[in-house]
Protein backbone atom coordinates (compact mmCIF):
# COMPACT_ATOMS: atom_id res chain seq x y z
CA MET A 1 -0.07 -0.06 0.06
CA SER A 2 1.47 3.07 -1.08
CA SER A 3 2.08 6.35 1.13
CA PRO A 4 -0.97 8.86 1.11
CA ASN A 5 2.10 11.41 0.79
CA LYS A 6 3.72 9.48 -2.12
CA PRO A 7 2.42 11.64 -5.16
CA LYS A 8 0.84 9.77 -7.80
CA LEU A 9 2.10 9.77 -11.31
CA VAL A 10 -0.09 9.44 -14.46
CA LEU A 11 2.05 8.85 -17.79
CA PRO A 12 0.95 7.02 -21.09
CA TRP A 13 1.66 3.42 -21.22
CA LYS A 14 3.67 3.90 -24.05
CA THR A 15 5.43 6.72 -22.37
CA ARG A 16 6.20 4.36 -19.08
CA LEU A 17 7.13 0.98 -21.60
CA SER A 18 9.60 3.48 -22.58
CA ILE A 19 11.34 4.57 -19.91
CA SER A 20 10.99 1.26 -17.75
CA LEU A 21 13.03 0.02 -20.66
CA LEU A 22 15.56 2.15 -21.52
CA THR A 23 15.84 2.48 -17.49
CA ALA A 24 16.79 -0.95 -17.15
CA LEU A 25 19.18 -0.93 -20.04
CA THR A 26 21.72 1.96 -19.29
CA ASP A 27 21.82 0.44 -15.57
CA ALA A 28 22.47 -3.39 -16.98
CA ALA A 29 25.53 -1.31 -19.24
CA CYS A 30 26.97 0.41 -16.03
CA ARG A 31 29.37 -1.40 -14.47
CA SER A 32 30.22 -1.04 -10.55
CA ASP A 33 33.62 -0.41 -11.25
CA GLY A 34 33.23 2.53 -12.91
CA THR A 35 33.03 1.39 -16.47
CA ILE A 36 30.90 1.24 -18.92
CA ASN A 37 29.74 -1.67 -21.41
CA ARG A 38 29.23 0.78 -25.53
CA ARG A 39 29.25 -1.82 -27.66
CA PHE A 40 26.29 -2.85 -25.42
CA LEU A 41 25.08 0.99 -25.23
CA GLY A 42 25.24 0.96 -29.42
CA VAL A 43 23.17 -1.15 -29.41
CA LEU A 44 20.74 0.66 -27.57
CA ASP A 45 21.35 4.01 -28.91
CA ARG A 46 19.38 4.17 -31.83
CA LYS A 47 20.90 6.90 -34.10
CA ALA A 48 19.25 9.50 -37.10
CA SER A 49 21.73 10.24 -39.88
CA ALA A 50 22.11 13.94 -41.61
CA LYS A 51 19.85 14.62 -44.09
CA ALA A 52 20.71 17.67 -46.73
CA THR A 53 17.62 17.19 -48.50
CA PRO A 54 14.85 18.77 -46.04
CA ILE A 55 12.47 16.86 -44.00
CA ASN A 56 9.21 18.66 -42.43
CA GLY A 57 10.84 22.01 -43.18
CA VAL A 58 14.19 21.35 -41.32
CA SER A 59 17.39 20.22 -42.87
CA THR A 60 20.70 18.97 -41.16
CA LYS A 61 24.52 18.26 -41.80
CA ASP A 62 26.52 17.52 -39.61
CA VAL A 63 30.45 19.90 -39.14
CA THR A 64 33.64 19.22 -36.98
CA VAL A 65 35.19 21.09 -34.78
CA SER A 66 37.59 18.58 -33.83
CA ASP A 67 39.14 15.32 -34.97
CA GLU A 68 41.38 14.65 -32.00
CA HIS A 69 38.53 15.03 -29.70
CA ASN A 70 35.36 13.34 -31.78
CA VAL A 71 33.98 16.82 -31.50
CA TRP A 72 31.20 17.88 -34.06
CA PHE A 73 27.41 19.46 -33.69
CA ARG A 74 24.51 18.68 -36.10
CA LEU A 75 23.77 22.06 -37.54
CA TYR A 76 19.88 22.60 -38.08
CA THR A 77 18.74 25.37 -40.17
CA PRO A 78 14.73 25.46 -41.32
CA THR A 79 14.11 25.74 -44.55
CA VAL A 80 10.25 26.36 -44.20
CA THR A 81 9.12 29.50 -41.80
CA VAL A 82 6.76 29.07 -38.59
CA ALA A 83 4.43 30.98 -41.19
CA GLY A 84 5.06 28.63 -43.88
CA ASP A 85 7.06 30.95 -46.02
CA GLU A 86 9.96 29.68 -47.83
CA THR A 87 11.76 32.58 -48.89
CA ASN A 88 11.16 33.38 -45.93
CA THR A 89 13.95 31.59 -44.34
CA LYS A 90 16.81 32.78 -46.92
CA THR A 91 16.58 36.05 -45.50
CA ALA A 92 15.19 36.61 -42.24
CA SER A 93 17.67 36.79 -39.52
CA LEU A 94 17.71 33.92 -37.51
CA PRO A 95 18.61 33.19 -33.41
CA VAL A 96 20.94 30.28 -33.67
CA ILE A 97 20.30 28.12 -30.35
CA ILE A 98 23.28 26.01 -29.17
CA PHE A 99 22.57 22.76 -27.27
CA PHE A 100 24.00 20.50 -25.24
CA HIS A 101 21.95 16.77 -25.26
CA GLY A 102 21.44 15.28 -21.83
CA GLY A 103 22.69 12.03 -20.66
CA GLY A 104 24.35 12.28 -17.47
CA PHE A 105 27.47 13.33 -19.34
CA SER A 106 28.16 9.26 -19.66
CA TYR A 107 25.42 8.24 -22.53
CA LEU A 108 23.93 9.76 -25.96
CA SER A 109 24.49 12.52 -28.86
CA PRO A 110 23.24 14.68 -31.17
CA ALA A 111 22.68 11.81 -33.45
CA SER A 112 20.15 9.71 -30.90
CA VAL A 113 16.89 9.78 -32.68
CA ALA A 114 15.64 10.99 -29.65
CA TYR A 115 17.15 14.36 -29.38
CA ASP A 116 17.81 14.44 -33.49
CA ALA A 117 13.59 14.79 -33.14
CA VAL A 118 14.26 17.03 -30.17
CA CYS A 119 16.98 20.12 -32.28
CA ARG A 120 14.25 19.64 -35.31
CA ARG A 121 11.17 20.38 -33.15
CA PHE A 122 13.16 23.49 -31.78
CA CYS A 123 14.45 25.10 -35.21
CA ARG A 124 11.16 24.35 -37.00
CA LYS A 125 8.77 25.34 -33.64
CA ILE A 126 10.78 28.23 -33.02
CA SER A 127 12.32 29.06 -36.51
CA ALA A 128 15.82 28.99 -35.43
CA VAL A 129 19.57 27.71 -36.43
CA VAL A 130 20.53 25.05 -34.26
CA VAL A 131 23.53 23.92 -32.91
CA SER A 132 23.36 20.44 -31.42
CA VAL A 133 27.51 19.33 -29.61
CA ASN A 134 28.57 16.07 -29.68
CA TYR A 135 31.18 16.41 -26.63
CA ARG A 136 33.15 13.44 -24.87
CA LEU A 137 31.66 11.23 -22.59
CA THR A 138 32.78 10.16 -19.11
CA PRO A 139 33.92 7.44 -17.66
CA GLU A 140 36.38 7.26 -20.64
CA HIS A 141 36.69 11.73 -20.10
CA PRO A 142 36.34 12.56 -17.21
CA TYR A 143 35.80 16.66 -16.20
CA PRO A 144 36.29 18.78 -17.79
CA SER A 145 36.56 17.94 -20.91
CA GLN A 146 32.98 18.26 -21.75
CA TYR A 147 33.30 22.17 -20.64
CA ASP A 148 36.35 21.99 -22.87
CA ASP A 149 34.14 20.77 -26.06
CA GLY A 150 30.90 23.05 -25.48
CA GLU A 151 33.78 25.93 -25.05
CA SER A 152 35.78 24.27 -27.53
CA VAL A 153 32.33 24.85 -30.08
CA LEU A 154 31.33 28.37 -29.40
CA LYS A 155 34.95 29.48 -30.04
CA PHE A 156 34.87 27.31 -33.11
CA LEU A 157 31.66 29.38 -34.31
CA ASP A 158 33.01 32.38 -33.57
CA GLU A 159 35.78 32.01 -36.01
CA ASN A 160 34.40 30.24 -38.32
CA LYS A 161 30.76 31.81 -39.33
CA SER A 162 30.71 31.01 -43.46
CA VAL A 163 30.00 27.35 -41.43
CA LEU A 164 26.43 28.56 -40.27
CA PRO A 165 24.06 29.31 -42.79
CA GLU A 166 24.17 33.31 -43.73
CA ASN A 167 20.92 34.40 -42.52
CA ALA A 168 22.06 32.85 -38.40
CA ASP A 169 23.00 35.81 -36.64
CA VAL A 170 25.44 34.73 -34.02
CA SER A 171 24.49 38.40 -32.01
CA LYS A 172 21.78 36.29 -30.95
CA CYS A 173 22.86 33.52 -29.02
CA PHE A 174 21.32 30.97 -27.10
CA LEU A 175 22.96 28.59 -25.05
CA ALA A 176 20.02 25.49 -24.38
CA GLY A 177 20.90 22.20 -22.81
CA ASP A 178 18.78 19.96 -21.02
CA SER A 179 19.73 17.67 -17.91
CA ALA A 180 23.78 17.13 -17.79
CA GLY A 181 23.60 19.53 -20.97
CA ALA A 182 22.04 22.35 -19.11
CA ASN A 183 24.86 21.88 -16.57
CA LEU A 184 27.17 22.40 -19.36
CA ALA A 185 25.58 25.32 -20.79
CA HIS A 186 26.21 27.10 -17.49
CA HIS A 187 29.75 25.85 -16.89
CA VAL A 188 30.22 27.36 -20.54
CA ALA A 189 28.09 30.78 -20.08
CA VAL A 190 30.41 31.39 -17.07
CA ARG A 191 33.94 30.14 -19.35
CA VAL A 192 32.20 32.89 -22.12
CA CYS A 193 32.04 34.95 -19.83
CA LYS A 194 34.67 35.28 -18.48
CA ALA A 195 37.02 34.91 -22.04
CA GLY A 196 34.78 37.19 -23.82
CA LEU A 197 33.48 36.79 -27.62
CA GLN A 198 34.27 38.87 -30.81
CA ARG A 199 31.34 38.24 -32.93
CA ILE A 200 28.86 35.68 -30.82
CA ARG A 201 26.51 37.55 -27.71
CA VAL A 202 24.71 34.65 -25.48
CA LEU A 203 21.72 36.72 -25.30
CA GLY A 204 19.84 33.89 -23.02
CA LEU A 205 20.35 30.53 -21.25
CA ILE A 206 17.82 27.77 -21.19
CA SER A 207 17.69 24.95 -18.93
CA ILE A 208 16.04 22.44 -19.01
CA GLN A 209 15.55 20.30 -16.03
CA PRO A 210 19.53 20.92 -15.13
CA PHE A 211 21.50 18.13 -13.83
CA PHE A 212 22.87 19.37 -10.38
CA GLY A 213 23.71 18.33 -6.60
CA GLY A 214 25.52 17.71 -3.93
CA GLU A 215 26.36 15.62 -0.88
CA GLU A 216 23.20 16.64 0.81
CA ARG A 217 19.92 14.08 0.08
CA THR A 218 17.49 16.95 0.03
CA GLU A 219 13.44 16.31 0.26
CA ALA A 220 13.33 15.67 -2.77
CA GLU A 221 15.59 13.32 -3.70
CA VAL A 222 14.04 11.23 -0.60
CA ARG A 223 10.78 11.59 -1.23
CA LEU A 224 11.13 10.86 -4.69
CA GLU A 225 13.54 7.96 -4.55
CA GLY A 226 12.23 5.34 -7.28
CA SER A 227 10.79 8.02 -10.06
CA PRO A 228 11.60 7.23 -13.23
CA LEU A 229 15.10 7.85 -14.50
CA VAL A 230 16.77 9.69 -11.68
CA SER A 231 17.90 7.72 -8.21
CA MET A 232 20.73 8.43 -5.79
CA ALA A 233 22.01 4.93 -7.39
CA ARG A 234 22.31 6.41 -10.36
CA THR A 235 23.64 9.85 -9.62
CA ASP A 236 25.94 8.56 -7.47
CA TRP A 237 27.98 6.56 -9.95
CA LEU A 238 27.34 9.50 -13.18
CA TRP A 239 29.12 11.57 -10.37
CA LYS A 240 31.45 9.50 -9.32
CA VAL A 241 32.95 8.85 -13.36
CA PHE A 242 33.18 12.25 -13.93
CA LEU A 243 34.64 14.34 -10.81
CA PRO A 244 38.09 14.06 -10.33
CA LYS A 245 39.84 11.30 -8.15
CA GLY A 246 39.01 12.24 -4.29
CA SER A 247 35.97 15.10 -5.25
CA ASP A 248 32.83 14.99 -3.96
CA ARG A 249 29.66 16.11 -4.79
CA ASP A 250 30.11 19.63 -3.45
CA HIS A 251 32.65 20.41 -5.97
CA GLY A 252 32.01 23.58 -8.20
CA ALA A 253 30.89 21.29 -10.66
CA VAL A 254 28.53 19.46 -9.35
CA ASN A 255 26.69 22.11 -6.35
CA VAL A 256 27.05 25.46 -8.61
CA CYS A 257 25.61 27.55 -5.45
CA GLY A 258 27.48 25.34 -3.03
CA PRO A 259 30.04 25.59 -0.97
CA ASN A 260 32.71 26.34 -4.33
CA ALA A 261 29.96 27.75 -5.39
CA GLU A 262 31.30 30.46 -8.54
CA ASP A 263 31.23 34.01 -8.27
CA LEU A 264 29.02 35.59 -10.60
CA SER A 265 28.33 38.91 -9.60
CA GLY A 266 31.26 40.43 -12.06
CA LEU A 267 30.53 38.63 -15.00
CA ASN A 268 27.14 39.48 -17.57
CA TYR A 269 26.01 36.94 -16.95
CA PRO A 270 22.67 35.54 -19.36
CA ASP A 271 18.88 35.93 -19.10
CA THR A 272 18.01 32.10 -18.00
CA VAL A 273 15.06 30.04 -18.02
CA VAL A 274 14.43 27.29 -15.59
CA PHE A 275 12.21 24.29 -15.96
CA VAL A 276 11.66 21.72 -13.72
CA GLY A 277 9.45 18.68 -12.47
CA GLY A 278 7.49 18.27 -10.02
CA PHE A 279 8.28 14.33 -10.36
CA ASP A 280 12.13 14.91 -11.00
CA PRO A 281 14.04 14.17 -7.98
CA LEU A 282 16.54 16.55 -8.91
CA ASN A 283 14.12 19.75 -8.88
CA ASP A 284 15.27 21.34 -5.73
CA TRP A 285 18.63 21.53 -6.86
CA GLN A 286 17.57 23.00 -10.10
CA ARG A 287 15.05 25.46 -7.74
CA ARG A 288 18.58 26.27 -5.70
CA TYR A 289 20.31 27.24 -8.64
CA CYS A 290 17.38 29.37 -9.80
CA ASP A 291 17.51 31.25 -6.45
CA TRP A 292 21.26 31.81 -6.67
CA LEU A 293 21.17 33.67 -10.17
CA LYS A 294 18.29 35.84 -8.61
CA LYS A 295 20.41 36.44 -5.37
CA SER A 296 23.54 36.96 -7.50
CA GLY A 297 21.90 39.99 -9.38
CA LYS A 298 20.72 38.01 -12.69
CA ASN A 299 17.64 37.63 -14.96
CA ALA A 300 16.26 33.74 -14.19
CA GLU A 301 12.41 32.83 -13.93
CA LEU A 302 11.29 29.32 -12.72
CA ILE A 303 9.15 27.10 -14.81
CA ASP A 304 7.04 24.74 -13.34
CA TYR A 305 5.36 21.52 -14.52
CA PRO A 306 4.73 20.34 -10.93
CA ASN A 307 3.57 16.73 -12.97
CA MET A 308 6.22 15.46 -15.25
CA ILE A 309 9.06 13.54 -14.81
CA HIS A 310 13.02 14.13 -15.18
CA ALA A 311 13.58 14.38 -19.49
CA PHE A 312 9.70 14.76 -20.05
CA TYR A 313 10.06 16.65 -23.18
CA ILE A 314 11.30 14.56 -25.29
CA PHE A 315 8.45 11.81 -25.17
CA PRO A 316 6.31 14.15 -28.28
CA ASP A 317 2.93 12.27 -26.80
CA LEU A 318 3.03 14.37 -24.06
CA PRO A 319 1.21 17.52 -24.85
CA GLU A 320 3.55 19.33 -22.04
CA ALA A 321 6.91 18.52 -24.66
CA THR A 322 5.29 20.36 -27.06
CA GLN A 323 4.29 23.97 -24.22
CA LEU A 324 7.48 23.66 -23.26
CA ILE A 325 9.70 24.41 -26.35
CA MET A 326 6.88 27.19 -27.17
CA GLN A 327 7.78 28.86 -23.92
CA VAL A 328 11.54 28.32 -25.24
CA LYS A 329 10.17 30.07 -28.15
CA ASP A 330 8.81 33.14 -26.22
CA PHE A 331 11.69 33.21 -24.26
CA ILE A 332 13.75 34.19 -27.06
CA HIS A 333 11.79 35.86 -29.34
CA LYS A 334 11.45 38.20 -26.29
CA ARG A 335 14.74 39.48 -26.77
CA VAL A 336 15.63 39.17 -30.05
C-alpha cells in the first residue's frame, strides 16, 4: 500500500514502457568498477543520419570541430518559417540555439533519435538555427573534458561564422541544454563570460531540468526515490565517474550554488529560464540554482511542471513537451 504522502504519477503507458526499458538497459550497461559497456549501449542508442534534403521544413548536416576529441555538431536549418514562407528563411535574420544534450555526461549524442527529433522541433517551431553539440563522454573522458568541448564549439563558431547559414545571426545566440547538457550550458556560459568572444553574443540560457547535485540528500531526492530515470544510486554513479578522483559532490561542477560556488556578481551572465518537473528528484537543486542566479543579481525565471518527470519533454506524446518548446520560443523572441 502506497504512502498517502507519496504523489501519484500519471503517464501514458507507451511513455512508461519506453522509460522502464531505457532505465533497465542503461543500468545494465553501467558496471560497478566505473566503466560502461559501450558496445551494449551502441546497440540500444538508435541513430539518425544528417539529411541535407529538408524533412518537415528542416535540413541537417554534421560539422567537425575537432577530429582529435571527436567534437562535432549537427546543424539544423529551417527551410520553411512557422508561417510557411520558404523565401523568408533565406533573408530573415535567425537566432542561433547552441544545444547540449543530456545523458548524465555518459550517454547519447546529437545523432541519437530522441535528440535529433527534439532539435528538429526546436528548429521548426522556433524558426531558429540549431547547433547540437557532440562532446566527449564519461567515464572515458572525465571532467573538465565536456566543458572544454562546449567552449571549443563556441570559439569555433566565433571564428568560423561561414559554417552557419548566411542568415544565422550570431549576435542573437542562446545556450540551451537538458539535464547534463544544462549543467554543461551553465559552465560554458561562465567560461564565455570570462573569456569573451568577438562575434557571438549570448542573449539567454535555456536550462531544462539541469543536472546538479551535492553531498546533501534533498527532500525531493528522498521523497521521489524510485521515480523514472533518476535515482540517487544512478546519479551517485554518474558523478563518481565524472569528477576528479578524491572530489565529492560539493565540487563546483556539481553543486554550482554550494560551498564552492563561482562568484557571478561581476559577470555578464545571460538571462536564464529554468524548467523543473515536480516528479524530478533533482528539482530542489534546480530551484536552488534559479534562486542563486537571482541572488547573484542575474535575470532568472522558473517554469514549473508539477506533474512531469525528468526528461519529459523528449516524449512527443506528452502535450507538455510541445508546451515547453512554445515557452522556449517566447523566451527567445522576447530577446531578439
